[in-house]
Amino acid sequence: MTYNSQPMRLSALLLVLATAAHAQSLPRVLLRTSAGDITLEIDSVHAPATSANFLHYVDAGLYRGGLFHRTVTPDNQPNNTVKIEVIQAGMDSTRRSEALAAIPLERTSVTHLAHKDGVVSMARGGPDTATDGFFICIGDQPELDFGGKRNSDGQGFAAFGRVTAGMDVVRKIQHSPAQGQRLIPPIVIVEARRLP
């Protein structure tokens, strides 16, 4: 009995092409900061609500004039038994009245987007409280996923994208001068826009 592998090769090729086309179709965002440029890929497929929220702030120009204001390093979280490493940013505070209502939490148990090195995620207090604040992971941060112990509610945070260029800038921001976790001075977001 002979086995024709041609259909299998064609199926594999189509799968590779579909995956490549999918990756190319994801929105990309350029964050120009006073410390350098960071490019993000937004996973609007796996985290559609969180991505739409973030892209609204980008398209409305609400991150322009915003700040990277927080750095979390192994040395500046003495009261936390579970340590993380992130930098955090938010919208232009003078336009706070234009902020959207808080969005439902898209848990990593549903999206399957883990908090790996370079992943972008929404900052929050309790579940369903995220608005404009976002953070970028430095190194893998599994305690920020659903079931993680960084937040006592165990619900994790809503990952929705990843850095595709500029992790050197992310690390530079993380190691900028700070008082506790507050960057002094904060790093300005000069521009935030979609890339073609």
N, C-alpha and C. Protein backbone atom coordinates (compact mmCIF):
# COMPACT_ATOMS: atom_id res chain seq x y z
N MET A 1 0.84 -1.18 0.00
CA MET A 1 0.00 0.00 0.00
C MET A 1 0.89 1.24 0.00
N THR A 2 0.61 2.15 -0.92
CA THR A 2 1.41 3.38 -0.99
C THR A 2 0.69 4.49 -0.24
N TYR A 3 1.46 5.40 0.28
CA TYR A 3 0.91 6.51 1.08
C TYR A 3 1.27 7.82 0.39
N ASN A 4 0.27 8.59 0.06
CA ASN A 4 0.50 9.86 -0.61
C ASN A 4 0.59 10.97 0.44
N SER A 5 1.78 11.54 0.60
CA SER A 5 1.97 12.57 1.62
C SER A 5 1.71 13.98 1.08
N GLN A 6 1.39 14.07 -0.23
CA GLN A 6 1.16 15.39 -0.82
C GLN A 6 0.06 16.17 -0.11
N PRO A 7 -1.13 15.59 0.17
CA PRO A 7 -2.16 16.36 0.88
C PRO A 7 -1.72 16.81 2.27
N MET A 8 -0.92 15.97 2.96
CA MET A 8 -0.44 16.36 4.28
C MET A 8 0.52 17.54 4.18
N ARG A 9 1.41 17.53 3.16
CA ARG A 9 2.34 18.65 2.98
C ARG A 9 1.57 19.93 2.68
N LEU A 10 0.55 19.81 1.84
CA LEU A 10 -0.26 20.98 1.49
C LEU A 10 -0.98 21.52 2.72
N SER A 11 -1.52 20.63 3.55
CA SER A 11 -2.20 21.05 4.78
C SER A 11 -1.24 21.75 5.73
N ALA A 12 -0.05 21.20 5.86
CA ALA A 12 0.95 21.82 6.74
C ALA A 12 1.35 23.20 6.23
N LEU A 13 1.53 23.31 4.91
CA LEU A 13 1.88 24.60 4.33
C LEU A 13 0.76 25.62 4.55
N LEU A 14 -0.48 25.22 4.36
CA LEU A 14 -1.60 26.12 4.57
C LEU A 14 -1.68 26.57 6.02
N LEU A 15 -1.41 25.66 6.95
CA LEU A 15 -1.41 26.01 8.37
C LEU A 15 -0.33 27.05 8.68
N VAL A 16 0.86 26.85 8.13
CA VAL A 16 1.96 27.81 8.33
C VAL A 16 1.59 29.17 7.75
N LEU A 17 1.03 29.20 6.55
CA LEU A 17 0.64 30.46 5.92
C LEU A 17 -0.47 31.15 6.70
N ALA A 18 -1.44 30.39 7.19
CA ALA A 18 -2.53 30.97 7.97
C ALA A 18 -2.01 31.56 9.27
N THR A 19 -1.07 30.86 9.91
CA THR A 19 -0.48 31.36 11.16
C THR A 19 0.30 32.64 10.91
N ALA A 20 1.06 32.67 9.82
CA ALA A 20 1.83 33.87 9.49
C ALA A 20 0.90 35.04 9.17
N ALA A 21 -0.16 34.78 8.42
CA ALA A 21 -1.12 35.84 8.09
C ALA A 21 -1.81 36.36 9.34
N HIS A 22 -2.13 35.45 10.26
CA HIS A 22 -2.76 35.85 11.52
C HIS A 22 -1.83 36.77 12.32
N ALA A 23 -0.57 36.39 12.41
CA ALA A 23 0.39 37.19 13.17
C ALA A 23 0.55 38.57 12.54
N GLN A 24 0.55 38.64 11.20
CA GLN A 24 0.70 39.92 10.53
C GLN A 24 -0.52 40.80 10.72
N SER A 25 -1.67 40.20 10.97
CA SER A 25 -2.90 40.99 11.06
C SER A 25 -3.13 41.58 12.45
N LEU A 26 -2.37 41.17 13.44
CA LEU A 26 -2.54 41.72 14.78
C LEU A 26 -2.11 43.19 14.80
N PRO A 27 -2.87 44.05 15.49
CA PRO A 27 -2.49 45.46 15.56
C PRO A 27 -1.14 45.63 16.26
N ARG A 28 -0.40 46.64 15.79
CA ARG A 28 0.87 46.99 16.41
C ARG A 28 0.80 48.45 16.85
N VAL A 29 1.43 48.74 17.97
CA VAL A 29 1.42 50.09 18.54
C VAL A 29 2.84 50.52 18.83
N LEU A 30 3.16 51.74 18.44
CA LEU A 30 4.45 52.34 18.77
C LEU A 30 4.27 53.25 19.97
N LEU A 31 5.06 53.01 21.01
CA LEU A 31 5.15 53.92 22.15
C LEU A 31 6.48 54.64 22.04
N ARG A 32 6.45 55.93 21.71
CA ARG A 32 7.66 56.74 21.72
C ARG A 32 7.75 57.37 23.10
N THR A 33 8.82 57.07 23.82
CA THR A 33 8.97 57.60 25.17
C THR A 33 10.22 58.46 25.25
N SER A 34 10.35 59.19 26.33
CA SER A 34 11.55 60.01 26.54
C SER A 34 12.78 59.14 26.78
N ALA A 35 12.59 57.83 26.93
CA ALA A 35 13.71 56.90 27.10
C ALA A 35 13.99 56.09 25.85
N GLY A 36 13.12 56.20 24.82
CA GLY A 36 13.29 55.42 23.60
C GLY A 36 11.97 54.81 23.16
N ASP A 37 12.00 54.09 22.05
CA ASP A 37 10.79 53.54 21.43
C ASP A 37 10.55 52.09 21.85
N ILE A 38 9.26 51.77 22.02
CA ILE A 38 8.82 50.41 22.34
C ILE A 38 7.70 50.07 21.36
N THR A 39 7.81 48.92 20.70
CA THR A 39 6.76 48.47 19.79
C THR A 39 6.01 47.30 20.42
N LEU A 40 4.69 47.40 20.40
CA LEU A 40 3.83 46.36 20.98
C LEU A 40 3.01 45.68 19.89
N GLU A 41 2.81 44.39 20.05
CA GLU A 41 1.84 43.64 19.25
C GLU A 41 0.66 43.34 20.16
N ILE A 42 -0.54 43.73 19.73
CA ILE A 42 -1.74 43.61 20.55
C ILE A 42 -2.52 42.37 20.11
N ASP A 43 -2.75 41.44 21.03
CA ASP A 43 -3.43 40.19 20.69
C ASP A 43 -4.94 40.36 20.78
N SER A 44 -5.50 40.95 19.74
CA SER A 44 -6.93 41.21 19.69
C SER A 44 -7.74 39.95 19.45
N VAL A 45 -7.08 38.85 19.15
CA VAL A 45 -7.78 37.57 18.93
C VAL A 45 -8.07 36.89 20.26
N HIS A 46 -7.04 36.75 21.10
CA HIS A 46 -7.20 36.01 22.36
C HIS A 46 -7.71 36.87 23.52
N ALA A 47 -7.48 38.18 23.44
CA ALA A 47 -7.96 39.09 24.50
C ALA A 47 -8.68 40.27 23.84
N PRO A 48 -9.83 40.00 23.19
CA PRO A 48 -10.47 41.04 22.37
C PRO A 48 -10.96 42.25 23.16
N ALA A 49 -11.54 42.06 24.31
CA ALA A 49 -12.10 43.19 25.06
C ALA A 49 -10.98 44.07 25.63
N THR A 50 -9.97 43.45 26.18
CA THR A 50 -8.85 44.20 26.74
C THR A 50 -8.10 44.93 25.64
N SER A 51 -7.90 44.26 24.50
CA SER A 51 -7.22 44.90 23.37
C SER A 51 -8.01 46.09 22.86
N ALA A 52 -9.32 45.94 22.72
CA ALA A 52 -10.16 47.04 22.23
C ALA A 52 -10.09 48.22 23.19
N ASN A 53 -10.08 47.95 24.48
CA ASN A 53 -9.96 49.02 25.48
C ASN A 53 -8.64 49.77 25.30
N PHE A 54 -7.53 49.03 25.24
CA PHE A 54 -6.21 49.65 25.10
C PHE A 54 -6.13 50.46 23.81
N LEU A 55 -6.61 49.88 22.70
CA LEU A 55 -6.54 50.56 21.41
C LEU A 55 -7.42 51.81 21.38
N HIS A 56 -8.50 51.82 22.14
CA HIS A 56 -9.31 53.04 22.24
C HIS A 56 -8.47 54.18 22.82
N TYR A 57 -7.75 53.89 23.91
CA TYR A 57 -6.89 54.92 24.52
C TYR A 57 -5.80 55.37 23.55
N VAL A 58 -5.24 54.44 22.78
CA VAL A 58 -4.23 54.79 21.78
C VAL A 58 -4.84 55.69 20.72
N ASP A 59 -5.96 55.25 20.12
CA ASP A 59 -6.57 55.98 19.00
C ASP A 59 -7.10 57.35 19.43
N ALA A 60 -7.53 57.47 20.67
CA ALA A 60 -8.04 58.75 21.17
C ALA A 60 -6.92 59.70 21.61
N GLY A 61 -5.67 59.23 21.52
CA GLY A 61 -4.53 60.07 21.91
C GLY A 61 -4.37 60.24 23.41
N LEU A 62 -5.00 59.35 24.18
CA LEU A 62 -5.01 59.53 25.64
C LEU A 62 -3.71 59.09 26.32
N TYR A 63 -2.89 58.31 25.62
CA TYR A 63 -1.59 57.96 26.19
C TYR A 63 -0.53 59.00 25.86
N ARG A 64 -0.76 59.83 24.84
CA ARG A 64 0.19 60.90 24.53
C ARG A 64 0.22 61.86 25.72
N GLY A 65 1.40 62.07 26.27
CA GLY A 65 1.52 62.88 27.48
C GLY A 65 1.33 62.07 28.76
N GLY A 66 1.06 60.77 28.59
CA GLY A 66 0.98 59.87 29.75
C GLY A 66 2.39 59.56 30.25
N LEU A 67 2.45 58.73 31.27
CA LEU A 67 3.74 58.49 31.92
C LEU A 67 3.95 57.02 32.27
N PHE A 68 5.20 56.56 32.11
CA PHE A 68 5.66 55.38 32.84
C PHE A 68 6.06 55.92 34.20
N HIS A 69 5.29 55.57 35.21
CA HIS A 69 5.46 56.18 36.53
C HIS A 69 5.93 55.21 37.61
N ARG A 70 5.93 53.91 37.30
CA ARG A 70 6.23 52.92 38.33
C ARG A 70 7.21 51.88 37.83
N THR A 71 8.16 51.55 38.66
CA THR A 71 9.08 50.45 38.39
C THR A 71 9.06 49.50 39.57
N VAL A 72 8.95 48.22 39.29
CA VAL A 72 8.97 47.21 40.35
C VAL A 72 10.17 46.30 40.10
N THR A 73 11.08 46.31 41.06
CA THR A 73 12.31 45.52 40.97
C THR A 73 12.37 44.58 42.17
N PRO A 74 13.28 43.62 42.15
CA PRO A 74 13.38 42.72 43.31
C PRO A 74 13.70 43.45 44.61
N ASP A 75 14.28 44.65 44.51
CA ASP A 75 14.74 45.36 45.71
C ASP A 75 13.77 46.37 46.29
N ASN A 76 12.67 46.70 45.57
CA ASN A 76 11.81 47.77 46.07
C ASN A 76 10.39 47.33 46.44
N GLN A 77 10.26 46.08 46.82
CA GLN A 77 8.96 45.57 47.26
C GLN A 77 9.12 44.76 48.56
N PRO A 78 9.64 45.42 49.61
CA PRO A 78 9.97 44.71 50.84
C PRO A 78 8.77 44.08 51.56
N ASN A 79 7.60 44.59 51.31
CA ASN A 79 6.41 44.07 52.00
C ASN A 79 5.69 42.98 51.23
N ASN A 80 6.22 42.59 50.08
CA ASN A 80 5.59 41.55 49.26
C ASN A 80 6.39 40.26 49.36
N THR A 81 5.73 39.18 49.75
CA THR A 81 6.41 37.88 49.77
C THR A 81 6.57 37.34 48.36
N VAL A 82 5.65 37.69 47.45
CA VAL A 82 5.75 37.29 46.05
C VAL A 82 6.28 38.48 45.26
N LYS A 83 7.49 38.33 44.73
CA LYS A 83 8.15 39.43 44.01
C LYS A 83 7.82 39.35 42.52
N ILE A 84 7.72 40.53 41.90
CA ILE A 84 7.52 40.61 40.45
C ILE A 84 8.47 41.67 39.90
N GLU A 85 8.58 41.73 38.56
CA GLU A 85 9.35 42.77 37.90
C GLU A 85 8.54 43.30 36.73
N VAL A 86 8.10 44.56 36.84
CA VAL A 86 7.31 45.21 35.80
C VAL A 86 7.61 46.70 35.79
N ILE A 87 7.23 47.35 34.69
CA ILE A 87 7.12 48.81 34.66
C ILE A 87 5.66 49.12 34.32
N GLN A 88 5.15 50.22 34.86
CA GLN A 88 3.73 50.53 34.72
C GLN A 88 3.55 51.94 34.18
N ALA A 89 2.53 52.09 33.31
CA ALA A 89 2.24 53.39 32.70
C ALA A 89 0.74 53.65 32.73
N GLY A 90 0.40 54.90 32.43
CA GLY A 90 -1.01 55.28 32.36
C GLY A 90 -1.20 56.47 31.45
N MET A 91 -2.45 56.86 31.27
CA MET A 91 -2.83 57.93 30.36
C MET A 91 -2.41 59.30 30.88
N ASP A 92 -2.56 60.30 30.03
CA ASP A 92 -2.35 61.69 30.40
C ASP A 92 -3.34 62.06 31.50
N SER A 93 -2.85 62.36 32.68
CA SER A 93 -3.74 62.59 33.83
C SER A 93 -4.60 63.84 33.67
N THR A 94 -4.21 64.77 32.79
CA THR A 94 -5.03 65.97 32.58
C THR A 94 -6.28 65.66 31.77
N ARG A 95 -6.34 64.45 31.20
CA ARG A 95 -7.51 64.06 30.40
C ARG A 95 -8.30 62.94 31.07
N ARG A 96 -8.14 62.83 32.38
CA ARG A 96 -8.78 61.76 33.15
C ARG A 96 -10.29 61.69 32.93
N SER A 97 -10.94 62.83 32.66
CA SER A 97 -12.39 62.84 32.45
C SER A 97 -12.80 62.08 31.19
N GLU A 98 -11.83 61.78 30.31
CA GLU A 98 -12.12 61.06 29.08
C GLU A 98 -11.90 59.55 29.22
N ALA A 99 -11.51 59.10 30.39
CA ALA A 99 -11.27 57.67 30.60
C ALA A 99 -12.57 56.88 30.43
N LEU A 100 -12.44 55.68 29.92
CA LEU A 100 -13.59 54.79 29.78
C LEU A 100 -13.93 54.16 31.12
N ALA A 101 -15.12 53.58 31.19
CA ALA A 101 -15.50 52.80 32.37
C ALA A 101 -14.59 51.58 32.48
N ALA A 102 -14.46 51.06 33.68
CA ALA A 102 -13.65 49.86 33.91
C ALA A 102 -14.18 48.69 33.08
N ILE A 103 -13.28 47.79 32.71
CA ILE A 103 -13.65 46.66 31.85
C ILE A 103 -13.60 45.35 32.62
N PRO A 104 -14.37 44.35 32.14
CA PRO A 104 -14.31 43.02 32.77
C PRO A 104 -12.91 42.41 32.60
N LEU A 105 -12.49 41.66 33.59
CA LEU A 105 -11.17 41.02 33.58
C LEU A 105 -11.18 39.81 32.64
N GLU A 106 -10.33 39.84 31.62
CA GLU A 106 -10.13 38.68 30.75
C GLU A 106 -9.00 37.86 31.35
N ARG A 107 -9.37 36.83 32.07
CA ARG A 107 -8.40 36.02 32.83
C ARG A 107 -7.51 35.19 31.91
N THR A 108 -6.29 34.97 32.34
CA THR A 108 -5.37 34.16 31.54
C THR A 108 -5.84 32.72 31.44
N SER A 109 -6.69 32.29 32.35
CA SER A 109 -7.24 30.93 32.26
C SER A 109 -8.16 30.80 31.05
N VAL A 110 -8.65 31.92 30.53
CA VAL A 110 -9.52 31.93 29.35
C VAL A 110 -8.71 32.29 28.11
N THR A 111 -7.86 33.33 28.20
CA THR A 111 -7.12 33.79 27.02
C THR A 111 -5.90 32.93 26.70
N HIS A 112 -5.36 32.25 27.71
CA HIS A 112 -4.14 31.45 27.58
C HIS A 112 -2.92 32.30 27.20
N LEU A 113 -2.95 33.58 27.57
CA LEU A 113 -1.81 34.48 27.36
C LEU A 113 -1.09 34.63 28.69
N ALA A 114 0.03 33.95 28.83
CA ALA A 114 0.77 33.97 30.10
C ALA A 114 1.63 35.22 30.21
N HIS A 115 1.93 35.60 31.43
CA HIS A 115 2.77 36.76 31.71
C HIS A 115 4.25 36.38 31.57
N LYS A 116 4.69 36.33 30.34
CA LYS A 116 6.08 36.02 30.01
C LYS A 116 6.87 37.31 29.83
N ASP A 117 8.17 37.19 29.65
CA ASP A 117 9.03 38.34 29.43
C ASP A 117 8.50 39.17 28.26
N GLY A 118 8.28 40.47 28.48
CA GLY A 118 7.82 41.35 27.43
C GLY A 118 6.32 41.41 27.24
N VAL A 119 5.57 40.65 28.02
CA VAL A 119 4.11 40.67 27.87
C VAL A 119 3.54 41.96 28.45
N VAL A 120 2.52 42.49 27.78
CA VAL A 120 1.82 43.70 28.20
C VAL A 120 0.50 43.29 28.82
N SER A 121 0.14 43.89 29.94
CA SER A 121 -1.05 43.50 30.69
C SER A 121 -1.68 44.73 31.33
N MET A 122 -2.94 44.61 31.71
CA MET A 122 -3.65 45.74 32.33
C MET A 122 -3.43 45.76 33.84
N ALA A 123 -3.16 46.94 34.35
CA ALA A 123 -3.07 47.13 35.80
C ALA A 123 -4.50 47.16 36.36
N ARG A 124 -4.65 46.75 37.60
CA ARG A 124 -5.98 46.76 38.22
C ARG A 124 -5.85 46.72 39.73
N GLY A 125 -6.96 47.06 40.41
CA GLY A 125 -7.07 46.83 41.85
C GLY A 125 -7.79 45.50 42.01
N GLY A 126 -9.11 45.55 42.13
CA GLY A 126 -9.91 44.33 42.17
C GLY A 126 -10.25 43.85 40.77
N PRO A 127 -10.86 42.67 40.65
CA PRO A 127 -11.31 42.21 39.33
C PRO A 127 -12.29 43.23 38.73
N ASP A 128 -12.26 43.36 37.43
CA ASP A 128 -13.19 44.24 36.69
C ASP A 128 -13.00 45.71 37.04
N THR A 129 -11.77 46.13 37.33
CA THR A 129 -11.50 47.54 37.66
C THR A 129 -10.49 48.19 36.72
N ALA A 130 -9.96 47.46 35.75
CA ALA A 130 -8.93 48.01 34.86
C ALA A 130 -9.53 49.10 33.97
N THR A 131 -8.76 50.17 33.80
CA THR A 131 -9.17 51.24 32.88
C THR A 131 -8.04 51.49 31.89
N ASP A 132 -7.16 52.46 32.18
CA ASP A 132 -6.10 52.83 31.24
C ASP A 132 -4.72 52.29 31.63
N GLY A 133 -4.48 51.99 32.90
CA GLY A 133 -3.15 51.60 33.35
C GLY A 133 -2.72 50.27 32.76
N PHE A 134 -1.47 50.19 32.35
CA PHE A 134 -0.93 48.93 31.83
C PHE A 134 0.50 48.76 32.31
N PHE A 135 0.98 47.52 32.24
CA PHE A 135 2.36 47.25 32.63
C PHE A 135 3.00 46.29 31.67
N ILE A 136 4.33 46.27 31.69
CA ILE A 136 5.13 45.38 30.86
C ILE A 136 5.98 44.51 31.77
N CYS A 137 5.95 43.21 31.54
CA CYS A 137 6.72 42.26 32.35
C CYS A 137 8.19 42.24 31.95
N ILE A 138 9.05 42.19 32.94
CA ILE A 138 10.48 41.98 32.73
C ILE A 138 10.79 40.61 33.31
N GLY A 139 11.07 39.66 32.43
CA GLY A 139 11.21 38.27 32.84
C GLY A 139 9.82 37.63 32.96
N ASP A 140 9.79 36.32 33.08
CA ASP A 140 8.51 35.59 33.23
C ASP A 140 7.93 35.87 34.61
N GLN A 141 6.62 36.14 34.64
CA GLN A 141 5.94 36.50 35.89
C GLN A 141 4.70 35.63 36.09
N PRO A 142 4.85 34.33 36.34
CA PRO A 142 3.70 33.44 36.46
C PRO A 142 2.76 33.78 37.61
N GLU A 143 3.25 34.49 38.62
CA GLU A 143 2.38 34.85 39.75
C GLU A 143 1.36 35.92 39.37
N LEU A 144 1.46 36.46 38.14
CA LEU A 144 0.48 37.42 37.65
C LEU A 144 -0.61 36.75 36.82
N ASP A 145 -0.44 35.45 36.54
CA ASP A 145 -1.46 34.69 35.81
C ASP A 145 -2.61 34.29 36.75
N PHE A 146 -3.70 33.82 36.17
CA PHE A 146 -4.81 33.31 36.97
C PHE A 146 -4.29 32.24 37.93
N GLY A 147 -4.65 32.33 39.19
CA GLY A 147 -4.17 31.39 40.20
C GLY A 147 -2.87 31.83 40.85
N GLY A 148 -2.25 32.88 40.33
CA GLY A 148 -1.00 33.38 40.90
C GLY A 148 -1.24 34.05 42.24
N LYS A 149 -0.18 34.17 43.00
CA LYS A 149 -0.30 34.66 44.37
C LYS A 149 0.07 36.13 44.57
N ARG A 150 0.40 36.85 43.49
CA ARG A 150 0.76 38.26 43.68
C ARG A 150 -0.45 39.06 44.17
N ASN A 151 -1.63 38.77 43.64
CA ASN A 151 -2.85 39.42 44.11
C ASN A 151 -3.64 38.40 44.92
N SER A 152 -4.07 38.79 46.09
CA SER A 152 -4.68 37.82 47.00
C SER A 152 -5.97 37.20 46.46
N ASP A 153 -6.62 37.85 45.48
CA ASP A 153 -7.86 37.26 44.94
C ASP A 153 -7.59 36.12 43.97
N GLY A 154 -6.34 35.93 43.55
CA GLY A 154 -5.98 34.80 42.69
C GLY A 154 -6.50 34.89 41.27
N GLN A 155 -7.09 36.02 40.90
CA GLN A 155 -7.70 36.14 39.56
C GLN A 155 -6.69 36.53 38.48
N GLY A 156 -5.52 36.97 38.89
CA GLY A 156 -4.51 37.35 37.93
C GLY A 156 -4.83 38.65 37.22
N PHE A 157 -4.09 38.92 36.16
CA PHE A 157 -4.21 40.15 35.40
C PHE A 157 -4.49 39.80 33.94
N ALA A 158 -4.95 40.79 33.17
CA ALA A 158 -5.35 40.55 31.78
C ALA A 158 -4.22 40.85 30.82
N ALA A 159 -3.45 39.83 30.46
CA ALA A 159 -2.42 39.97 29.43
C ALA A 159 -3.10 40.18 28.08
N PHE A 160 -2.52 41.08 27.26
CA PHE A 160 -3.19 41.33 25.97
C PHE A 160 -2.22 41.64 24.84
N GLY A 161 -0.93 41.50 25.06
CA GLY A 161 0.01 41.78 23.99
C GLY A 161 1.43 41.50 24.43
N ARG A 162 2.37 41.91 23.58
CA ARG A 162 3.78 41.67 23.89
C ARG A 162 4.64 42.71 23.19
N VAL A 163 5.81 42.94 23.76
CA VAL A 163 6.81 43.82 23.16
C VAL A 163 7.48 43.06 22.02
N THR A 164 7.52 43.67 20.84
CA THR A 164 8.23 43.06 19.71
C THR A 164 9.54 43.79 19.41
N ALA A 165 9.68 45.00 19.92
CA ALA A 165 10.95 45.74 19.79
C ALA A 165 11.03 46.74 20.94
N GLY A 166 12.22 46.89 21.49
CA GLY A 166 12.42 47.89 22.54
C GLY A 166 12.50 47.34 23.95
N MET A 167 12.76 46.05 24.11
CA MET A 167 12.92 45.54 25.48
C MET A 167 14.13 46.17 26.17
N ASP A 168 15.10 46.63 25.40
CA ASP A 168 16.22 47.36 26.01
C ASP A 168 15.72 48.66 26.65
N VAL A 169 14.73 49.30 26.02
CA VAL A 169 14.15 50.52 26.58
C VAL A 169 13.34 50.19 27.83
N VAL A 170 12.60 49.07 27.79
CA VAL A 170 11.83 48.63 28.96
C VAL A 170 12.77 48.44 30.15
N ARG A 171 13.90 47.77 29.93
CA ARG A 171 14.86 47.54 31.02
C ARG A 171 15.50 48.85 31.48
N LYS A 172 15.74 49.75 30.54
CA LYS A 172 16.29 51.06 30.90
C LYS A 172 15.31 51.81 31.80
N ILE A 173 14.02 51.76 31.47
CA ILE A 173 13.00 52.41 32.30
C ILE A 173 12.97 51.76 33.68
N GLN A 174 13.02 50.42 33.72
CA GLN A 174 12.97 49.73 35.00
C GLN A 174 14.11 50.16 35.93
N HIS A 175 15.26 50.46 35.37
CA HIS A 175 16.43 50.81 36.19
C HIS A 175 16.68 52.31 36.26
N SER A 176 15.67 53.11 35.86
CA SER A 176 15.78 54.56 35.98
C SER A 176 15.66 54.96 37.45
N PRO A 177 16.10 56.16 37.80
CA PRO A 177 16.01 56.61 39.20
C PRO A 177 14.58 56.54 39.73
N ALA A 178 14.45 56.09 40.96
CA ALA A 178 13.13 55.94 41.57
C ALA A 178 13.20 56.19 43.06
N GLN A 179 12.08 56.58 43.60
CA GLN A 179 11.91 56.69 45.05
C GLN A 179 10.90 55.61 45.42
N GLY A 180 11.38 54.54 46.02
CA GLY A 180 10.52 53.37 46.19
C GLY A 180 10.21 52.82 44.80
N GLN A 181 8.93 52.71 44.48
CA GLN A 181 8.54 52.23 43.15
C GLN A 181 8.18 53.37 42.20
N ARG A 182 8.24 54.60 42.66
CA ARG A 182 7.84 55.75 41.84
C ARG A 182 9.05 56.29 41.08
N LEU A 183 8.95 56.30 39.75
CA LEU A 183 10.03 56.82 38.92
C LEU A 183 10.17 58.33 39.12
N ILE A 184 11.40 58.76 39.38
CA ILE A 184 11.70 60.17 39.62
C ILE A 184 12.82 60.61 38.68
N PRO A 185 12.55 61.36 37.61
CA PRO A 185 11.22 61.75 37.14
C PRO A 185 10.57 60.60 36.37
N PRO A 186 9.26 60.67 36.16
CA PRO A 186 8.62 59.64 35.33
C PRO A 186 9.08 59.74 33.89
N ILE A 187 8.89 58.66 33.14
CA ILE A 187 9.26 58.61 31.73
C ILE A 187 8.02 58.99 30.91
N VAL A 188 8.15 60.02 30.09
CA VAL A 188 7.01 60.56 29.35
C VAL A 188 6.72 59.71 28.10
N ILE A 189 5.44 59.44 27.86
CA ILE A 189 5.01 58.85 26.60
C ILE A 189 4.78 60.02 25.63
N VAL A 190 5.70 60.22 24.73
CA VAL A 190 5.66 61.34 23.80
C VAL A 190 4.58 61.10 22.74
N GLU A 191 4.44 59.85 22.33
CA GLU A 191 3.46 59.49 21.31
C GLU A 191 3.09 58.03 21.47
N ALA A 192 1.83 57.72 21.21
CA ALA A 192 1.35 56.33 21.17
C ALA A 192 0.43 56.23 19.98
N ARG A 193 0.81 55.44 18.99
CA ARG A 193 -0.01 55.34 17.79
C ARG A 193 0.09 53.95 17.18
N ARG A 194 -0.95 53.62 16.42
CA ARG A 194 -0.91 52.35 15.67
C ARG A 194 0.10 52.44 14.53
N LEU A 195 0.72 51.31 14.26
CA LEU A 195 1.62 51.21 13.11
C LEU A 195 0.85 50.56 11.95
N PRO A 196 1.20 50.94 10.71
CA PRO A 196 0.52 50.34 9.55
C PRO A 196 0.87 48.87 9.41
